PDB file of N, CA and C in Angstrom:
ATOM      1  N   UNK A   1       0.835  -1.172   0.000  1.00  0.00           N
ATOM      2  CA  UNK A   1       0.000   0.000   0.000  1.00  0.00           C
ATOM      3  C   UNK A   1       0.885   1.242   0.000  1.00  0.00           C
ATOM      4  N   UNK A   2       0.770   2.074  -1.001  1.00  0.00           N
ATOM      5  CA  UNK A   2       1.543   3.306  -1.095  1.00  0.00           C
ATOM      6  C   UNK A   2       0.910   4.368  -0.212  1.00  0.00           C
ATOM      7  N   UNK A   3       1.722   4.949   0.685  1.00  0.00           N
ATOM      8  CA  UNK A   3       1.231   6.004   1.564  1.00  0.00           C
ATOM      9  C   UNK A   3       1.360   7.376   0.914  1.00  0.00           C
ATOM     10  N   UNK A   4       2.527   7.633   0.301  1.00  0.00           N
ATOM     11  CA  UNK A   4       2.769   8.937  -0.298  1.00  0.00           C
ATOM     12  C   UNK A   4       3.942   8.836  -1.262  1.00  0.00           C
ATOM     13  N   UNK A   5       3.921   9.650  -2.296  1.00  0.00           N
ATOM     14  CA  UNK A   5       5.040   9.710  -3.233  1.00  0.00           C
ATOM     15  C   UNK A   5       5.531  11.146  -3.302  1.00  0.00           C
ATOM     16  N   UNK A   6       6.821  11.344  -3.020  1.00  0.00           N
ATOM     17  CA  UNK A   6       7.448  12.655  -3.083  1.00  0.00           C
ATOM     18  C   UNK A   6       8.615  12.546  -4.053  1.00  0.00           C
ATOM     19  N   UNK A   7       8.524  13.248  -5.168  1.00  0.00           N
ATOM     20  CA  UNK A   7       9.510  13.167  -6.253  1.00  0.00           C
ATOM     21  C   UNK A   7       9.740  11.711  -6.627  1.00  0.00           C
ATOM     22  N   UNK A   8      10.963  11.207  -6.426  1.00  0.00           N
ATOM     23  CA  UNK A   8      11.276   9.827  -6.817  1.00  0.00           C
ATOM     24  C   UNK A   8      11.175   8.845  -5.653  1.00  0.00           C
ATOM     25  N   UNK A   9      10.691   9.298  -4.506  1.00  0.00           N
ATOM     26  CA  UNK A   9      10.625   8.442  -3.321  1.00  0.00           C
ATOM     27  C   UNK A   9       9.183   8.038  -3.068  1.00  0.00           C
ATOM     28  N   UNK A  10       8.952   6.754  -2.925  1.00  0.00           N
ATOM     29  CA  UNK A  10       7.627   6.233  -2.602  1.00  0.00           C
ATOM     30  C   UNK A  10       7.653   5.692  -1.180  1.00  0.00           C
ATOM     31  N   UNK A  11       6.763   6.178  -0.334  1.00  0.00           N
ATOM     32  CA  UNK A  11       6.660   5.715   1.041  1.00  0.00           C
ATOM     33  C   UNK A  11       5.581   4.649   1.117  1.00  0.00           C
ATOM     34  N   UNK A  12       5.923   3.539   1.749  1.00  0.00           N
ATOM     35  CA  UNK A  12       4.979   2.432   1.870  1.00  0.00           C
ATOM     36  C   UNK A  12       4.910   1.978   3.318  1.00  0.00           C
ATOM     37  N   UNK A  13       3.830   1.303   3.660  1.00  0.00           N
ATOM     38  CA  UNK A  13       3.677   0.708   4.976  1.00  0.00           C
ATOM     39  C   UNK A  13       4.137  -0.739   4.861  1.00  0.00           C
ATOM     40  N   UNK A  14       5.158  -1.123   5.638  1.00  0.00           N
ATOM     41  CA  UNK A  14       5.710  -2.475   5.508  1.00  0.00           C
ATOM     42  C   UNK A  14       6.008  -3.073   6.875  1.00  0.00           C
ATOM     43  N   UNK A  15       5.951  -4.395   6.946  1.00  0.00           N
ATOM     44  CA  UNK A  15       6.308  -5.128   8.161  1.00  0.00           C
ATOM     45  C   UNK A  15       7.356  -6.165   7.803  1.00  0.00           C
ATOM     46  N   UNK A  16       8.148  -6.537   8.790  1.00  0.00           N
ATOM     47  CA  UNK A  16       9.144  -7.601   8.635  1.00  0.00           C
ATOM     48  C   UNK A  16      10.074  -7.365   7.450  1.00  0.00           C
ATOM     49  N   UNK A  17      10.651  -6.165   7.388  1.00  0.00           N
ATOM     50  CA  UNK A  17      11.597  -5.829   6.322  1.00  0.00           C
ATOM     51  C   UNK A  17      12.930  -6.505   6.642  1.00  0.00           C
ATOM     52  N   UNK A  18      13.433  -7.297   5.727  1.00  0.00           N
ATOM     53  CA  UNK A  18      14.681  -8.025   5.936  1.00  0.00           C
ATOM     54  C   UNK A  18      15.897  -7.260   5.437  1.00  0.00           C
ATOM     55  N   UNK A  19      15.694  -6.353   4.498  1.00  0.00           N
ATOM     56  CA  UNK A  19      16.820  -5.600   3.980  1.00  0.00           C
ATOM     57  C   UNK A  19      16.387  -4.433   3.122  1.00  0.00           C
ATOM     58  N   UNK A  20      17.302  -3.475   2.994  1.00  0.00           N
ATOM     59  CA  UNK A  20      17.066  -2.294   2.167  1.00  0.00           C
ATOM     60  C   UNK A  20      18.335  -2.042   1.364  1.00  0.00           C
ATOM     61  N   UNK A  21      18.188  -1.775   0.081  1.00  0.00           N
ATOM     62  CA  UNK A  21      19.314  -1.423  -0.783  1.00  0.00           C
ATOM     63  C   UNK A  21      19.063  -0.012  -1.299  1.00  0.00           C
ATOM     64  N   UNK A  22      20.052   0.882  -1.110  1.00  0.00           N
ATOM     65  CA  UNK A  22      19.908   2.272  -1.542  1.00  0.00           C
ATOM     66  C   UNK A  22      21.111   2.669  -2.393  1.00  0.00           C
ATOM     67  N   UNK A  23      20.850   3.181  -3.571  1.00  0.00           N
ATOM     68  CA  UNK A  23      21.873   3.741  -4.451  1.00  0.00           C
ATOM     69  C   UNK A  23      21.439   5.147  -4.834  1.00  0.00           C
ATOM     70  N   UNK A  24      22.308   6.130  -4.584  1.00  0.00           N
ATOM     71  CA  UNK A  24      21.965   7.513  -4.913  1.00  0.00           C
ATOM     72  C   UNK A  24      22.054   7.744  -6.413  1.00  0.00           C
ATOM     73  N   UNK A  25      21.353   8.785  -6.869  1.00  0.00           N
ATOM     74  CA  UNK A  25      21.395   9.140  -8.291  1.00  0.00           C
ATOM     75  C   UNK A  25      22.808   9.533  -8.717  1.00  0.00           C
ATOM     76  N   UNK A  26      23.522  10.223  -7.828  1.00  0.00           N
ATOM     77  CA  UNK A  26      24.869  10.691  -8.162  1.00  0.00           C
ATOM     78  C   UNK A  26      25.876   9.548  -8.218  1.00  0.00           C
ATOM     79  N   UNK A  27      25.542   8.446  -7.581  1.00  0.00           N
ATOM     80  CA  UNK A  27      26.460   7.313  -7.541  1.00  0.00           C
ATOM     81  C   UNK A  27      27.477   7.405  -6.421  1.00  0.00           C
ATOM     82  N   UNK A  28      27.379   8.456  -5.589  1.00  0.00           N
ATOM     83  CA  UNK A  28      28.328   8.637  -4.492  1.00  0.00           C
ATOM     84  C   UNK A  28      27.965   7.827  -3.254  1.00  0.00           C
ATOM     85  N   UNK A  29      26.759   7.306  -3.201  1.00  0.00           N
ATOM     86  CA  UNK A  29      26.319   6.522  -2.051  1.00  0.00           C
ATOM     87  C   UNK A  29      25.705   5.218  -2.518  1.00  0.00           C
ATOM     88  N   UNK A  30      26.181   4.142  -1.907  1.00  0.00           N
ATOM     89  CA  UNK A  30      25.640   2.816  -2.176  1.00  0.00           C
ATOM     90  C   UNK A  30      25.603   2.072  -0.847  1.00  0.00           C
ATOM     91  N   UNK A  31      24.410   1.918  -0.274  1.00  0.00           N
ATOM     92  CA  UNK A  31      24.272   1.311   1.049  1.00  0.00           C
ATOM     93  C   UNK A  31      23.345   0.108   1.014  1.00  0.00           C
ATOM     94  N   UNK A  32      23.677  -0.880   1.840  1.00  0.00           N
ATOM     95  CA  UNK A  32      22.809  -2.043   2.032  1.00  0.00           C
ATOM     96  C   UNK A  32      22.582  -2.193   3.529  1.00  0.00           C
ATOM     97  N   UNK A  33      21.346  -2.418   3.912  1.00  0.00           N
ATOM     98  CA  UNK A  33      21.002  -2.669   5.311  1.00  0.00           C
ATOM     99  C   UNK A  33      20.346  -4.034   5.389  1.00  0.00           C
ATOM    100  N   UNK A  34      20.801  -4.836   6.329  1.00  0.00           N
ATOM    101  CA  UNK A  34      20.231  -6.162   6.540  1.00  0.00           C
ATOM    102  C   UNK A  34      19.783  -6.290   7.981  1.00  0.00           C
ATOM    103  N   UNK A  35      18.590  -6.843   8.170  1.00  0.00           N
ATOM    104  CA  UNK A  35      18.063  -7.044   9.515  1.00  0.00           C
ATOM    105  C   UNK A  35      18.880  -8.121  10.219  1.00  0.00           C
ATOM    106  N   UNK A  36      19.223  -7.850  11.468  1.00  0.00           N
ATOM    107  CA  UNK A  36      19.921  -8.838  12.285  1.00  0.00           C
ATOM    108  C   UNK A  36      18.955  -9.427  13.305  1.00  0.00           C
ATOM    109  N   UNK A  37      18.260  -8.539  14.014  1.00  0.00           N
ATOM    110  CA  UNK A  37      17.313  -8.992  15.029  1.00  0.00           C
ATOM    111  C   UNK A  37      16.306  -7.886  15.295  1.00  0.00           C
ATOM    112  N   UNK A  38      15.047  -8.191  15.183  1.00  0.00           N
ATOM    113  CA  UNK A  38      13.950  -7.234  15.394  1.00  0.00           C
ATOM    114  C   UNK A  38      14.187  -5.978  14.544  1.00  0.00           C
ATOM    115  N   UNK A  39      14.313  -4.809  15.189  1.00  0.00           N
ATOM    116  CA  UNK A  39      14.531  -3.560  14.449  1.00  0.00           C
ATOM    117  C   UNK A  39      16.008  -3.249  14.245  1.00  0.00           C
ATOM    118  N   UNK A  40      16.876  -4.103  14.744  1.00  0.00           N
ATOM    119  CA  UNK A  40      18.312  -3.865  14.633  1.00  0.00           C
ATOM    120  C   UNK A  40      18.859  -4.479  13.356  1.00  0.00           C
ATOM    121  N   UNK A  41      19.850  -3.804  12.792  1.00  0.00           N
ATOM    122  CA  UNK A  41      20.442  -4.308  11.565  1.00  0.00           C
ATOM    123  C   UNK A  41      21.855  -3.806  11.386  1.00  0.00           C
ATOM    124  N   UNK A  42      22.438  -4.169  10.263  1.00  0.00           N
ATOM    125  CA  UNK A  42      23.802  -3.774   9.943  1.00  0.00           C
ATOM    126  C   UNK A  42      23.816  -3.132   8.564  1.00  0.00           C
ATOM    127  N   UNK A  43      24.433  -1.957   8.493  1.00  0.00           N
ATOM    128  CA  UNK A  43      24.557  -1.255   7.217  1.00  0.00           C
ATOM    129  C   UNK A  43      25.978  -1.426   6.701  1.00  0.00           C
ATOM    130  N   UNK A  44      26.100  -1.553   5.390  1.00  0.00           N
ATOM    131  CA  UNK A  44      27.421  -1.646   4.776  1.00  0.00           C
ATOM    132  C   UNK A  44      27.395  -0.905   3.445  1.00  0.00           C
ATOM    133  N   UNK A  45      28.568  -0.509   2.993  1.00  0.00           N
ATOM    134  CA  UNK A  45      28.667   0.190   1.724  1.00  0.00           C
ATOM    135  C   UNK A  45      29.439   1.480   1.858  1.00  0.00           C
ATOM    136  N   UNK A  46      29.260   2.363   0.886  1.00  0.00           N
ATOM    137  CA  UNK A  46      29.938   3.654   0.871  1.00  0.00           C
ATOM    138  C   UNK A  46      28.907   4.769   0.870  1.00  0.00           C
ATOM    139  N   UNK A  47      29.162   5.786   1.711  1.00  0.00           N
ATOM    140  CA  UNK A  47      28.229   6.912   1.817  1.00  0.00           C
ATOM    141  C   UNK A  47      28.981   8.225   1.647  1.00  0.00           C
ATOM    142  N   UNK A  48      28.383   9.151   0.933  1.00  0.00           N
ATOM    143  CA  UNK A  48      28.961  10.488   0.781  1.00  0.00           C
ATOM    144  C   UNK A  48      28.792  11.255   2.081  1.00  0.00           C
ATOM    145  N   UNK A  49      29.522  12.351   2.212  1.00  0.00           N
ATOM    146  CA  UNK A  49      29.393  13.179   3.413  1.00  0.00           C
ATOM    147  C   UNK A  49      27.973  13.718   3.536  1.00  0.00           C
ATOM    148  N   UNK A  50      27.350  14.041   2.409  1.00  0.00           N
ATOM    149  CA  UNK A  50      25.971  14.524   2.423  1.00  0.00           C
ATOM    150  C   UNK A  50      25.023  13.449   2.967  1.00  0.00           C
ATOM    151  N   UNK A  51      25.241  12.207   2.572  1.00  0.00           N
ATOM    152  CA  UNK A  51      24.401  11.111   3.068  1.00  0.00           C
ATOM    153  C   UNK A  51      24.597  10.905   4.564  1.00  0.00           C
ATOM    154  N   UNK A  52      25.842  11.056   5.044  1.00  0.00           N
ATOM    155  CA  UNK A  52      26.095  10.926   6.481  1.00  0.00           C
ATOM    156  C   UNK A  52      25.344  12.002   7.261  1.00  0.00           C
ATOM    157  N   UNK A  53      25.339  13.222   6.735  1.00  0.00           N
ATOM    158  CA  UNK A  53      24.597  14.312   7.381  1.00  0.00           C
ATOM    159  C   UNK A  53      23.110  13.973   7.425  1.00  0.00           C
ATOM    160  N   UNK A  54      22.564  13.506   6.307  1.00  0.00           N
ATOM    161  CA  UNK A  54      21.141  13.155   6.259  1.00  0.00           C
ATOM    162  C   UNK A  54      20.809  12.022   7.221  1.00  0.00           C
ATOM    163  N   UNK A  55      21.667  11.013   7.301  1.00  0.00           N
ATOM    164  CA  UNK A  55      21.438   9.896   8.220  1.00  0.00           C
ATOM    165  C   UNK A  55      21.483  10.360   9.672  1.00  0.00           C
ATOM    166  N   UNK A  56      22.410  11.266   9.985  1.00  0.00           N
ATOM    167  CA  UNK A  56      22.513  11.784  11.350  1.00  0.00           C
ATOM    168  C   UNK A  56      21.303  12.649  11.704  1.00  0.00           C
ATOM    169  N   UNK A  57      20.876  13.499  10.788  1.00  0.00           N
ATOM    170  CA  UNK A  57      19.732  14.369  11.058  1.00  0.00           C
ATOM    171  C   UNK A  57      18.443  13.580  11.212  1.00  0.00           C
ATOM    172  N   UNK A  58      18.348  12.455  10.535  1.00  0.00           N
ATOM    173  CA  UNK A  58      17.127  11.647  10.633  1.00  0.00           C
ATOM    174  C   UNK A  58      17.158  10.690  11.815  1.00  0.00           C
ATOM    175  N   UNK A  59      18.290  10.632  12.526  1.00  0.00           N
ATOM    176  CA  UNK A  59      18.372   9.786  13.711  1.00  0.00           C
ATOM    177  C   UNK A  59      18.796   8.354  13.438  1.00  0.00           C
ATOM    178  N   UNK A  60      19.172   8.055  12.209  1.00  0.00           N
ATOM    179  CA  UNK A  60      19.616   6.699  11.873  1.00  0.00           C
ATOM    180  C   UNK A  60      20.971   6.418  12.513  1.00  0.00           C
ATOM    181  N   UNK A  61      21.862   7.401  12.480  1.00  0.00           N
ATOM    182  CA  UNK A  61      23.146   7.312  13.168  1.00  0.00           C
ATOM    183  C   UNK A  61      23.282   8.553  14.040  1.00  0.00           C
ATOM    184  N   UNK A  62      24.173   8.498  15.030  1.00  0.00           N
ATOM    185  CA  UNK A  62      24.356   9.640  15.924  1.00  0.00           C
ATOM    186  C   UNK A  62      25.494  10.527  15.427  1.00  0.00           C
ATOM    187  N   UNK A  63      25.472  11.784  15.865  1.00  0.00           N
ATOM    188  CA  UNK A  63      26.558  12.696  15.515  1.00  0.00           C
ATOM    189  C   UNK A  63      27.872  12.218  16.121  1.00  0.00           C
ATOM    190  N   UNK A  64      27.811  11.599  17.316  1.00  0.00           N
ATOM    191  CA  UNK A  64      29.020  11.041  17.929  1.00  0.00           C
ATOM    192  C   UNK A  64      29.641   9.979  17.027  1.00  0.00           C
ATOM    193  N   UNK A  65      28.798   9.134  16.431  1.00  0.00           N
ATOM    194  CA  UNK A  65      29.308   8.094  15.537  1.00  0.00           C
ATOM    195  C   UNK A  65      30.001   8.729  14.337  1.00  0.00           C
ATOM    196  N   UNK A  66      29.388   9.764  13.766  1.00  0.00           N
ATOM    197  CA  UNK A  66      29.972  10.446  12.602  1.00  0.00           C
ATOM    198  C   UNK A  66      31.318  11.062  12.976  1.00  0.00           C
ATOM    199  N   UNK A  67      31.378  11.749  14.126  1.00  0.00           N
ATOM    200  CA  UNK A  67      32.624  12.380  14.561  1.00  0.00           C
ATOM    201  C   UNK A  67      33.722  11.344  14.770  1.00  0.00           C
ATOM    202  N   UNK A  68      33.389  10.221  15.412  1.00  0.00           N
ATOM    203  CA  UNK A  68      34.377   9.160  15.627  1.00  0.00           C
ATOM    204  C   UNK A  68      34.838   8.560  14.305  1.00  0.00           C
ATOM    205  N   UNK A  69      33.926   8.403  13.374  1.00  0.00           N
ATOM    206  CA  UNK A  69      34.262   7.859  12.056  1.00  0.00           C
ATOM    207  C   UNK A  69      35.223   8.787  11.321  1.00  0.00           C
ATOM    208  N   UNK A  70      34.936  10.090  11.350  1.00  0.00           N
ATOM    209  CA  UNK A  70      35.790  11.068  10.669  1.00  0.00           C
ATOM    210  C   UNK A  70      37.184  11.071  11.300  1.00  0.00           C
ATOM    211  N   UNK A  71      37.259  11.041  12.635  1.00  0.00           N
ATOM    212  CA  UNK A  71      38.559  11.005  13.318  1.00  0.00           C
ATOM    213  C   UNK A  71      39.347   9.766  12.913  1.00  0.00           C
ATOM    214  N   UNK A  72      38.673   8.636  12.842  1.00  0.00           N
ATOM    215  CA  UNK A  72      39.326   7.377  12.460  1.00  0.00           C
ATOM    216  C   UNK A  72      39.884   7.464  11.042  1.00  0.00           C
ATOM    217  N   UNK A  73      39.102   8.031  10.118  1.00  0.00           N
ATOM    218  CA  UNK A  73      39.547   8.158   8.729  1.00  0.00           C
ATOM    219  C   UNK A  73      40.732   9.118   8.604  1.00  0.00           C
ATOM    220  N   UNK A  74      40.734  10.187   9.405  1.00  0.00           N
ATOM    221  CA  UNK A  74      41.844  11.143   9.378  1.00  0.00           C
ATOM    222  C   UNK A  74      43.121  10.467   9.865  1.00  0.00           C
ATOM    223  N   UNK A  75      43.016   9.650  10.917  1.00  0.00           N
ATOM    224  CA  UNK A  75      44.183   8.945  11.451  1.00  0.00           C
ATOM    225  C   UNK A  75      44.725   7.924  10.457  1.00  0.00           C
ATOM    226  N   UNK A  76      43.856   7.331   9.645  1.00  0.00           N
ATOM    227  CA  UNK A  76      44.293   6.346   8.651  1.00  0.00           C
ATOM    228  C   UNK A  76      45.116   6.994   7.545  1.00  0.00           C
ATOM    229  N   UNK A  77      44.856   8.272   7.277  1.00  0.00           N
ATOM    230  CA  UNK A  77      45.567   8.983   6.194  1.00  0.00           C
ATOM    231  C   UNK A  77      46.759   9.665   6.726  1.00  0.00           C
TER     232      UNK A  77
END
């Protein structure tokens, strides 16, 4: 059942989602999420800085996680 369509995004009502695959139009973000247990899951892939901001603002990840990730990447370089 489609709840709403905004531009290219269709919102639906769903239960028992096992996974989500997201690829941005720009090609800078490619993410896969797989359910591990109940509402918990694991995300993998590559995300642009813009996608990280959007994920943090929507509450999917925390700003602390983003800051720690950026620090880790800086230390690797």
